[in-house]
C-alpha atoms as a PDB file:
ATOM      1  CA  MET A   1      36.132 -30.675 -22.438  1.00  0.00           C
ATOM      2  CA  ARG A   2      37.875 -27.491 -21.424  1.00  0.00           C
ATOM      3  CA  PHE A   3      35.184 -25.361 -23.039  1.00  0.00           C
ATOM      4  CA  ALA A   4      32.461 -27.242 -21.111  1.00  0.00           C
ATOM      5  CA  LYS A   5      34.254 -26.527 -17.800  1.00  0.00           C
ATOM      6  CA  PHE A   6      34.545 -22.875 -18.766  1.00  0.00           C
ATOM      7  CA  ILE A   7      30.805 -22.617 -19.544  1.00  0.00           C
ATOM      8  CA  THR A   8      29.872 -24.499 -16.357  1.00  0.00           C
ATOM      9  CA  ARG A   9      31.912 -22.114 -14.248  1.00  0.00           C
ATOM     10  CA  TRP A  10      30.328 -19.085 -15.898  1.00  0.00           C
ATOM     11  CA  ILE A  11      26.850 -20.492 -15.314  1.00  0.00           C
ATOM     12  CA  TRP A  12      27.651 -21.092 -11.625  1.00  0.00           C
ATOM     13  CA  LEU A  13      29.102 -17.607 -11.313  1.00  0.00           C
ATOM     14  CA  LEU A  14      26.004 -16.114 -12.918  1.00  0.00           C
ATOM     15  CA  CYS A  15      23.768 -18.060 -10.498  1.00  0.00           C
ATOM     16  CA  VAL A  16      25.769 -16.873  -7.498  1.00  0.00           C
ATOM     17  CA  VAL A  17      25.629 -13.250  -8.667  1.00  0.00           C
ATOM     18  CA  LEU A  18      21.886 -13.361  -9.340  1.00  0.00           C
ATOM     19  CA  ILE A  19      21.120 -14.999  -5.997  1.00  0.00           C
ATOM     20  CA  GLY A  20      23.504 -12.646  -4.179  1.00  0.00           C
ATOM     21  CA  CYS A  21      21.882  -9.515  -5.553  1.00  0.00           C
ATOM     22  CA  GLY A  22      18.382 -10.667  -4.603  1.00  0.00           C
ATOM     23  CA  TYR A  23      17.172 -11.187  -8.166  1.00  0.00           C
ATOM     24  CA  ARG A  24      14.143 -13.409  -8.407  1.00  0.00           C
ATOM     25  CA  VAL A  25      11.611 -14.309 -11.044  1.00  0.00           C
ATOM     26  CA  THR A  26       8.059 -13.510 -10.039  1.00  0.00           C
ATOM     27  CA  GLY A  27       4.755 -14.299 -11.610  1.00  0.00           C
ATOM     28  CA  PRO A  28       1.955 -11.860 -12.312  1.00  0.00           C
ATOM     29  CA  ALA A  29       0.842  -9.646  -9.443  1.00  0.00           C
ATOM     30  CA  MET A  30      -1.845 -11.121  -7.233  1.00  0.00           C
ATOM     31  CA  PHE A  31      -4.457  -8.784  -5.769  1.00  0.00           C
ATOM     32  CA  PRO A  32      -6.640  -9.302  -2.694  1.00  0.00           C
ATOM     33  CA  GLY A  33     -10.056 -10.888  -3.118  1.00  0.00           C
ATOM     34  CA  ASN A  34      -8.977 -12.692  -6.312  1.00  0.00           C
ATOM     35  CA  VAL A  35      -9.364  -9.415  -8.185  1.00  0.00           C
ATOM     36  CA  LYS A  36      -7.830  -9.537 -11.636  1.00  0.00           C
ATOM     37  CA  HIS A  37      -9.064  -6.306 -13.225  1.00  0.00           C
ATOM     38  CA  ILE A  38      -8.765  -2.916 -11.535  1.00  0.00           C
ATOM     39  CA  TYR A  39      -9.782   0.584 -12.508  1.00  0.00           C
ATOM     40  CA  ILE A  40      -7.916   3.454 -10.838  1.00  0.00           C
ATOM     41  CA  LEU A  41     -10.109   6.410  -9.932  1.00  0.00           C
ATOM     42  CA  MET A  42      -8.745   9.943  -9.616  1.00  0.00           C
ATOM     43  CA  LEU A  43      -7.632  10.521  -6.035  1.00  0.00           C
ATOM     44  CA  GLU A  44      -9.516  13.144  -4.058  1.00  0.00           C
ATOM     45  CA  ASN A  45      -7.401  16.131  -3.034  1.00  0.00           C
ATOM     46  CA  LYS A  46      -7.944  17.153   0.595  1.00  0.00           C
ATOM     47  CA  THR A  47      -5.065  19.639   0.518  1.00  0.00           C
ATOM     48  CA  ALA A  48      -4.636  23.173  -0.760  1.00  0.00           C
ATOM     49  CA  GLU A  49      -2.019  21.925  -3.279  1.00  0.00           C
ATOM     50  CA  THR A  50      -3.562  22.239  -6.743  1.00  0.00           C
ATOM     51  CA  GLY A  51      -2.984  19.275  -9.055  1.00  0.00           C
ATOM     52  CA  VAL A  52      -1.184  16.966  -6.617  1.00  0.00           C
ATOM     53  CA  GLU A  53      -3.973  14.385  -7.052  1.00  0.00           C
ATOM     54  CA  ASN A  54      -3.265  14.262 -10.802  1.00  0.00           C
ATOM     55  CA  ILE A  55       0.442  13.657 -10.259  1.00  0.00           C
ATOM     56  CA  ILE A  56      -0.094  10.832  -7.754  1.00  0.00           C
ATOM     57  CA  THR A  57      -2.920   9.187  -9.721  1.00  0.00           C
ATOM     58  CA  GLY A  58      -0.690   9.268 -12.817  1.00  0.00           C
ATOM     59  CA  ALA A  59       2.142   7.662 -10.849  1.00  0.00           C
ATOM     60  CA  LEU A  60      -0.213   4.894  -9.667  1.00  0.00           C
ATOM     61  CA  ILE A  61      -1.349   4.211 -13.233  1.00  0.00           C
ATOM     62  CA  ASP A  62       2.289   4.120 -14.396  1.00  0.00           C
ATOM     63  CA  GLU A  63       3.226   1.692 -11.596  1.00  0.00           C
ATOM     64  CA  PHE A  64       0.359  -0.673 -12.405  1.00  0.00           C
ATOM     65  CA  THR A  65       1.151  -0.459 -16.120  1.00  0.00           C
ATOM     66  CA  ARG A  66       4.801  -1.293 -15.454  1.00  0.00           C
ATOM     67  CA  ASN A  67       4.195  -4.179 -13.028  1.00  0.00           C
ATOM     68  CA  SER A  68       0.832  -5.637 -13.988  1.00  0.00           C
ATOM     69  CA  PRO A  69      -0.411  -4.229 -17.310  1.00  0.00           C
ATOM     70  CA  ALA A  70      -3.171  -6.834 -17.675  1.00  0.00           C
ATOM     71  CA  ALA A  71      -4.704  -5.738 -14.363  1.00  0.00           C
ATOM     72  CA  LEU A  72      -5.663  -2.243 -15.519  1.00  0.00           C
ATOM     73  CA  THR A  73      -8.920  -2.057 -17.380  1.00  0.00           C
ATOM     74  CA  ARG A  74     -11.803   0.198 -18.358  1.00  0.00           C
ATOM     75  CA  ARG A  75     -14.257   1.092 -15.632  1.00  0.00           C
ATOM     76  CA  GLU A  76     -17.035  -1.128 -17.004  1.00  0.00           C
ATOM     77  CA  ARG A  77     -14.766  -4.248 -17.044  1.00  0.00           C
ATOM     78  CA  ALA A  78     -13.299  -3.693 -13.568  1.00  0.00           C
ATOM     79  CA  GLN A  79     -13.854  -6.104 -10.700  1.00  0.00           C
ATOM     80  CA  ALA A  80     -12.622  -3.466  -8.245  1.00  0.00           C
ATOM     81  CA  TYR A  81     -11.810   0.222  -8.031  1.00  0.00           C
ATOM     82  CA  LEU A  82      -8.687   1.702  -6.470  1.00  0.00           C
ATOM     83  CA  SER A  83      -9.613   5.035  -4.915  1.00  0.00           C
ATOM     84  CA  GLY A  84      -8.467   7.296  -2.138  1.00  0.00           C
ATOM     85  CA  SER A  85      -7.303  10.738  -1.235  1.00  0.00           C
ATOM     86  CA  VAL A  86      -4.280  12.924  -0.819  1.00  0.00           C
ATOM     87  CA  ALA A  87      -4.678  13.428   2.908  1.00  0.00           C
ATOM     88  CA  GLY A  88      -1.884  15.893   3.586  1.00  0.00           C
ATOM     89  CA  ILE A  89       1.099  17.774   2.285  1.00  0.00           C
ATOM     90  CA  ARG A  90       3.699  19.469   4.437  1.00  0.00           C
ATOM     91  CA  ASN A  91       6.860  21.465   3.782  1.00  0.00           C
ATOM     92  CA  THR A  92       9.646  21.737   6.327  1.00  0.00           C
ATOM     93  CA  THR A  93      12.998  23.470   6.209  1.00  0.00           C
ATOM     94  CA  ILE A  94      15.906  21.052   6.584  1.00  0.00           C
ATOM     95  CA  SER A  95      18.867  23.409   6.146  1.00  0.00           C
ATOM     96  CA  HIS A  96      19.574  27.131   6.281  1.00  0.00           C
ATOM     97  CA  ARG A  97      21.870  29.320   4.257  1.00  0.00           C
ATOM     98  CA  SER A  98      21.785  31.909   7.020  1.00  0.00           C
ATOM     99  CA  PRO A  99      19.363  32.676   9.854  1.00  0.00           C
ATOM    100  CA  GLY A 100      15.890  32.938   8.365  1.00  0.00           C
ATOM    101  CA  ILE A 101      16.971  31.907   4.837  1.00  0.00           C
ATOM    102  CA  SER A 102      16.369  28.305   3.802  1.00  0.00           C
ATOM    103  CA  SER A 103      18.685  26.471   1.431  1.00  0.00           C
ATOM    104  CA  GLU A 104      16.819  23.160   1.390  1.00  0.00           C
ATOM    105  CA  ARG A 105      13.302  22.036   2.237  1.00  0.00           C
ATOM    106  CA  ARG A 106      11.493  18.729   2.398  1.00  0.00           C
ATOM    107  CA  VAL A 107       8.001  18.094   1.072  1.00  0.00           C
ATOM    108  CA  GLN A 108       6.013  15.226   2.602  1.00  0.00           C
ATOM    109  CA  VAL A 109       2.814  13.854   1.086  1.00  0.00           C
ATOM    110  CA  SER A 110       0.390  11.419   2.730  1.00  0.00           C
ATOM    111  CA  VAL A 111      -2.240   9.414   0.878  1.00  0.00           C
ATOM    112  CA  VAL A 112      -4.949   6.956   1.892  1.00  0.00           C
ATOM    113  CA  VAL A 113      -5.926   4.318  -0.673  1.00  0.00           C
ATOM    114  CA  LYS A 114      -8.703   1.701  -0.734  1.00  0.00           C
ATOM    115  CA  LEU A 115      -9.621  -1.128  -3.057  1.00  0.00           C
ATOM    116  CA  LYS A 116     -13.392  -1.612  -3.274  1.00  0.00           C
ATOM    117  CA  ASP A 117     -15.434  -4.101  -5.257  1.00  0.00           C
ATOM    118  CA  THR A 118     -18.085  -2.927  -7.716  1.00  0.00           C
ATOM    119  CA  GLN A 119     -20.703  -3.026  -4.936  1.00  0.00           C
ATOM    120  CA  GLY A 120     -18.650  -0.557  -2.866  1.00  0.00           C
ATOM    121  CA  ARG A 121     -17.455  -3.090  -0.274  1.00  0.00           C
ATOM    122  CA  GLU A 122     -13.917  -2.493   0.931  1.00  0.00           C
ATOM    123  CA  ILE A 123     -11.521  -5.300  -0.024  1.00  0.00           C
ATOM    124  CA  TRP A 124      -8.281  -3.671   1.114  1.00  0.00           C
ATOM    125  CA  SER A 125      -7.003  -0.362   2.495  1.00  0.00           C
ATOM    126  CA  THR A 126      -3.662   1.175   3.392  1.00  0.00           C
ATOM    127  CA  GLY A 127      -4.225   3.635   6.151  1.00  0.00           C
ATOM    128  CA  ALA A 128      -1.935   6.637   5.610  1.00  0.00           C
ATOM    129  CA  VAL A 129       1.087   6.074   3.355  1.00  0.00           C
ATOM    130  CA  SER A 130       3.689   8.850   3.263  1.00  0.00           C
ATOM    131  CA  ALA A 131       6.788   9.730   1.306  1.00  0.00           C
ATOM    132  CA  ASN A 132       9.069  12.740   1.374  1.00  0.00           C
ATOM    133  CA  GLU A 133      11.677  14.324  -0.846  1.00  0.00           C
ATOM    134  CA  ALA A 134      14.126  17.182  -0.377  1.00  0.00           C
ATOM    135  CA  TYR A 135      14.418  20.072  -2.817  1.00  0.00           C
ATOM    136  CA  GLY A 136      16.635  23.089  -3.185  1.00  0.00           C
ATOM    137  CA  VAL A 137      15.499  26.603  -2.313  1.00  0.00           C
ATOM    138  CA  SER A 138      16.536  29.382  -4.654  1.00  0.00           C
ATOM    139  CA  PRO A 139      16.318  33.162  -4.282  1.00  0.00           C
ATOM    140  CA  ASP A 140      14.062  32.924  -7.360  1.00  0.00           C
ATOM    141  CA  LYS A 141      10.628  31.773  -6.111  1.00  0.00           C
ATOM    142  CA  LEU A 142       9.743  30.294  -9.515  1.00  0.00           C
ATOM    143  CA  VAL A 143      12.828  28.042  -9.439  1.00  0.00           C
ATOM    144  CA  THR A 144      11.996  26.972  -5.883  1.00  0.00           C
ATOM    145  CA  GLU A 145       8.449  26.078  -6.950  1.00  0.00           C
ATOM    146  CA  GLN A 146       9.783  24.089  -9.936  1.00  0.00           C
ATOM    147  CA  ASN A 147      12.133  22.221  -7.583  1.00  0.00           C
ATOM    148  CA  ARG A 148       9.245  21.524  -5.231  1.00  0.00           C
ATOM    149  CA  ARG A 149       7.043  20.193  -8.063  1.00  0.00           C
ATOM    150  CA  ALA A 150       9.913  17.964  -9.239  1.00  0.00           C
ATOM    151  CA  ALA A 151      10.259  16.633  -5.672  1.00  0.00           C
ATOM    152  CA  ILE A 152       6.513  15.893  -5.579  1.00  0.00           C
ATOM    153  CA  SER A 153       6.855  13.945  -8.842  1.00  0.00           C
ATOM    154  CA  VAL A 154       9.725  11.876  -7.416  1.00  0.00           C
ATOM    155  CA  LEU A 155       7.920  11.101  -4.168  1.00  0.00           C
ATOM    156  CA  SER A 156       4.734  10.283  -6.103  1.00  0.00           C
ATOM    157  CA  ARG A 157       6.560   7.487  -7.919  1.00  0.00           C
ATOM    158  CA  ARG A 158       7.868   6.235  -4.579  1.00  0.00           C
ATOM    159  CA  LEU A 159       4.347   6.346  -3.092  1.00  0.00           C
ATOM    160  CA  ALA A 160       2.963   4.425  -6.076  1.00  0.00           C
ATOM    161  CA  GLU A 161       5.644   1.729  -5.719  1.00  0.00           C
ATOM    162  CA  ASP A 162       4.895   1.402  -2.006  1.00  0.00           C
ATOM    163  CA  ILE A 163       1.136   1.180  -2.564  1.00  0.00           C
ATOM    164  CA  PHE A 164       1.541  -1.433  -5.319  1.00  0.00           C
ATOM    165  CA  LYS A 165       3.841  -3.531  -3.104  1.00  0.00           C
ATOM    166  CA  ARG A 166       1.440  -3.322  -0.172  1.00  0.00           C
ATOM    167  CA  LEU A 167      -1.501  -4.220  -2.404  1.00  0.00           C
ATOM    168  CA  THR A 168       0.206  -7.273  -3.900  1.00  0.00           C
ATOM    169  CA  GLU A 169       2.114  -8.678  -0.915  1.00  0.00           C
ATOM    170  CA  ASN A 170       0.828 -11.927   0.570  1.00  0.00           C
ATOM    171  CA  PHE A 171      -1.723 -12.526  -2.191  1.00  0.00           C
END
């Protein structure tokens, strides 16, 4: 009898903790237009930043693989294509070590993404989606560039999460 009370209390405590932290069980992701199979095309790069389209497209593929692995498919099996472009990239200084010498910068990337059916009709689009990330500036330009690339990788994952959420909400 005492053991049963103990277990019951632990189950109630577990329920309270899970509800309190916002944990919920969700089903498979639902996409607009009853689309079940998507192929992700390489994003177009409309910036001067070489390779940023590869990083963001890779982050999108990773996000879909993590959250809805059955949705990704080969191009010939797809019901819709996710495509878009890297519309802009901007760097701004956010702190200075001394006048004229930056100690930290922020990189901001904007993308536009669309989901189109196999006939080319638009099913869904985002408008511009942006994310930013700070990175350290070093006297060594190579280190600064490595920090900047790492920041782009971090914000790319954040962009991919945001795009996936927007694509699957309310469907």
